[in-house]
Amino acid sequence: MDGVNLIYKFQRELKERLASVEESILAGVDNMEKYQYLIGQRKAYSESLQELSNLLKKGADDDE
């Protein structure tokens, strides 16, 4: 498996985890601590996905 395929696989996993966290938030949480934890996870997954997208775009631009 080359690096680009690995990044796409990792990106897909992050998207699934992000969707799961968002579903948990929408379903409701028991307390504010859990809510803040889930919001933190959502932010981390979103930022990671953005960084991966930027790297893939930069890689595509470098190939041109």
N, C-alpha and C. Protein backbone atom coordinates (compact mmCIF):
# COMPACT_ATOMS: atom_id res chain seq x y z
N MET A 1 0.86 -1.18 0.00
CA MET A 1 0.00 0.00 0.00
C MET A 1 0.90 1.23 0.00
N ASP A 2 0.66 2.10 -0.93
CA ASP A 2 1.47 3.32 -0.97
C ASP A 2 0.92 4.37 -0.02
N GLY A 3 1.70 5.43 0.16
CA GLY A 3 1.34 6.46 1.13
C GLY A 3 0.02 7.15 0.85
N VAL A 4 -0.28 7.39 -0.41
CA VAL A 4 -1.51 8.10 -0.77
C VAL A 4 -2.73 7.24 -0.42
N ASN A 5 -2.66 5.95 -0.72
CA ASN A 5 -3.78 5.07 -0.37
C ASN A 5 -3.96 4.98 1.14
N LEU A 6 -2.87 4.98 1.87
CA LEU A 6 -2.93 4.96 3.32
C LEU A 6 -3.63 6.21 3.84
N ILE A 7 -3.30 7.35 3.25
CA ILE A 7 -3.93 8.61 3.67
C ILE A 7 -5.43 8.58 3.39
N TYR A 8 -5.81 8.07 2.21
CA TYR A 8 -7.23 7.98 1.89
C TYR A 8 -7.96 7.05 2.85
N LYS A 9 -7.32 5.95 3.21
CA LYS A 9 -7.93 5.01 4.15
C LYS A 9 -8.10 5.66 5.53
N PHE A 10 -7.07 6.36 5.96
CA PHE A 10 -7.11 7.07 7.24
C PHE A 10 -8.18 8.16 7.22
N GLN A 11 -8.28 8.86 6.12
CA GLN A 11 -9.28 9.91 5.95
C GLN A 11 -10.70 9.31 6.05
N ARG A 12 -10.91 8.18 5.42
CA ARG A 12 -12.21 7.52 5.48
C ARG A 12 -12.56 7.12 6.92
N GLU A 13 -11.57 6.60 7.66
CA GLU A 13 -11.79 6.22 9.05
C GLU A 13 -12.13 7.45 9.90
N LEU A 14 -11.43 8.55 9.69
CA LEU A 14 -11.72 9.77 10.43
C LEU A 14 -13.13 10.28 10.14
N LYS A 15 -13.57 10.20 8.89
CA LYS A 15 -14.92 10.63 8.53
C LYS A 15 -15.97 9.79 9.24
N GLU A 16 -15.72 8.48 9.34
CA GLU A 16 -16.66 7.60 10.05
C GLU A 16 -16.72 7.94 11.53
N ARG A 17 -15.56 8.20 12.12
CA ARG A 17 -15.53 8.56 13.54
C ARG A 17 -16.20 9.91 13.79
N LEU A 18 -15.97 10.85 12.88
CA LEU A 18 -16.60 12.16 12.99
C LEU A 18 -18.12 12.02 12.94
N ALA A 19 -18.60 11.22 12.01
CA ALA A 19 -20.05 11.01 11.90
C ALA A 19 -20.60 10.37 13.17
N SER A 20 -19.87 9.44 13.74
CA SER A 20 -20.31 8.79 14.98
C SER A 20 -20.39 9.78 16.13
N VAL A 21 -19.39 10.65 16.24
CA VAL A 21 -19.39 11.66 17.30
C VAL A 21 -20.56 12.63 17.11
N GLU A 22 -20.79 13.04 15.87
CA GLU A 22 -21.88 13.96 15.59
C GLU A 22 -23.23 13.33 15.91
N GLU A 23 -23.38 12.05 15.62
CA GLU A 23 -24.62 11.34 15.96
C GLU A 23 -24.82 11.30 17.46
N SER A 24 -23.74 11.06 18.20
CA SER A 24 -23.82 11.03 19.66
C SER A 24 -24.24 12.38 20.22
N ILE A 25 -23.70 13.44 19.65
CA ILE A 25 -24.05 14.79 20.11
C ILE A 25 -25.53 15.07 19.83
N LEU A 26 -25.97 14.72 18.63
CA LEU A 26 -27.37 14.97 18.27
C LEU A 26 -28.35 14.12 19.07
N ALA A 27 -27.91 12.94 19.48
CA ALA A 27 -28.77 12.06 20.27
C ALA A 27 -28.93 12.58 21.69
N GLY A 28 -28.01 13.43 22.09
CA GLY A 28 -28.08 13.99 23.44
C GLY A 28 -27.05 13.35 24.34
N VAL A 29 -26.55 14.12 25.27
CA VAL A 29 -25.55 13.63 26.22
C VAL A 29 -26.05 13.82 27.63
N ASP A 30 -25.48 13.04 28.54
CA ASP A 30 -25.94 13.05 29.92
C ASP A 30 -25.52 14.28 30.70
N ASN A 31 -24.31 14.76 30.42
CA ASN A 31 -23.82 15.89 31.21
C ASN A 31 -22.90 16.77 30.37
N MET A 32 -22.54 17.89 30.92
CA MET A 32 -21.75 18.88 30.21
C MET A 32 -20.33 18.38 29.94
N GLU A 33 -19.76 17.59 30.85
CA GLU A 33 -18.42 17.05 30.63
C GLU A 33 -18.37 16.19 29.39
N LYS A 34 -19.35 15.31 29.24
CA LYS A 34 -19.39 14.44 28.08
C LYS A 34 -19.61 15.25 26.81
N TYR A 35 -20.45 16.25 26.89
CA TYR A 35 -20.69 17.13 25.75
C TYR A 35 -19.40 17.82 25.32
N GLN A 36 -18.67 18.39 26.27
CA GLN A 36 -17.42 19.07 25.95
C GLN A 36 -16.40 18.10 25.38
N TYR A 37 -16.35 16.88 25.90
CA TYR A 37 -15.44 15.86 25.39
C TYR A 37 -15.77 15.55 23.93
N LEU A 38 -17.05 15.36 23.63
CA LEU A 38 -17.46 15.05 22.26
C LEU A 38 -17.18 16.21 21.32
N ILE A 39 -17.40 17.42 21.78
CA ILE A 39 -17.11 18.60 20.96
C ILE A 39 -15.60 18.67 20.67
N GLY A 40 -14.79 18.34 21.66
CA GLY A 40 -13.34 18.31 21.46
C GLY A 40 -12.93 17.26 20.44
N GLN A 41 -13.56 16.09 20.53
CA GLN A 41 -13.28 15.04 19.55
C GLN A 41 -13.68 15.49 18.15
N ARG A 42 -14.85 16.09 18.05
CA ARG A 42 -15.34 16.56 16.75
C ARG A 42 -14.36 17.56 16.14
N LYS A 43 -13.88 18.48 16.96
CA LYS A 43 -12.94 19.48 16.48
C LYS A 43 -11.63 18.82 16.02
N ALA A 44 -11.14 17.88 16.80
CA ALA A 44 -9.89 17.20 16.44
C ALA A 44 -10.03 16.43 15.13
N TYR A 45 -11.14 15.71 14.97
CA TYR A 45 -11.37 14.96 13.73
C TYR A 45 -11.51 15.91 12.54
N SER A 46 -12.22 16.99 12.72
CA SER A 46 -12.41 17.96 11.63
C SER A 46 -11.09 18.58 11.22
N GLU A 47 -10.28 18.98 12.19
CA GLU A 47 -8.99 19.59 11.88
C GLU A 47 -8.06 18.58 11.21
N SER A 48 -8.08 17.34 11.66
CA SER A 48 -7.25 16.30 11.05
C SER A 48 -7.67 16.06 9.61
N LEU A 49 -8.97 16.01 9.37
CA LEU A 49 -9.46 15.83 8.00
C LEU A 49 -9.04 16.98 7.11
N GLN A 50 -9.09 18.19 7.63
CA GLN A 50 -8.68 19.35 6.84
C GLN A 50 -7.20 19.28 6.51
N GLU A 51 -6.38 18.89 7.47
CA GLU A 51 -4.94 18.77 7.23
C GLU A 51 -4.65 17.70 6.17
N LEU A 52 -5.34 16.57 6.26
CA LEU A 52 -5.14 15.52 5.26
C LEU A 52 -5.55 16.01 3.88
N SER A 53 -6.66 16.72 3.80
CA SER A 53 -7.10 17.28 2.52
C SER A 53 -6.06 18.24 1.96
N ASN A 54 -5.51 19.08 2.82
CA ASN A 54 -4.49 20.03 2.39
C ASN A 54 -3.24 19.31 1.88
N LEU A 55 -2.84 18.25 2.58
CA LEU A 55 -1.67 17.49 2.15
C LEU A 55 -1.91 16.82 0.80
N LEU A 56 -3.09 16.25 0.63
CA LEU A 56 -3.42 15.60 -0.64
C LEU A 56 -3.47 16.61 -1.77
N LYS A 57 -4.03 17.79 -1.49
CA LYS A 57 -4.09 18.83 -2.51
C LYS A 57 -2.69 19.32 -2.85
N LYS A 58 -1.87 19.51 -1.83
CA LYS A 58 -0.50 19.96 -2.06
C LYS A 58 0.27 18.92 -2.87
N GLY A 59 0.05 17.64 -2.57
CA GLY A 59 0.69 16.58 -3.31
C GLY A 59 0.26 16.56 -4.77
N ALA A 60 -1.03 16.80 -5.00
CA ALA A 60 -1.55 16.84 -6.37
C ALA A 60 -0.97 18.05 -7.11
N ASP A 61 -0.87 19.17 -6.42
CA ASP A 61 -0.31 20.37 -7.04
C ASP A 61 1.17 20.18 -7.36
N ASP A 62 1.90 19.47 -6.50
CA ASP A 62 3.31 19.23 -6.72
C ASP A 62 3.54 18.29 -7.91
N ASP A 63 2.58 17.40 -8.15
CA ASP A 63 2.69 16.46 -9.27
C ASP A 63 2.51 17.13 -10.62
N GLU A 64 1.87 18.28 -10.62
CA GLU A 64 1.58 18.96 -11.90
C GLU A 64 2.76 19.66 -12.46
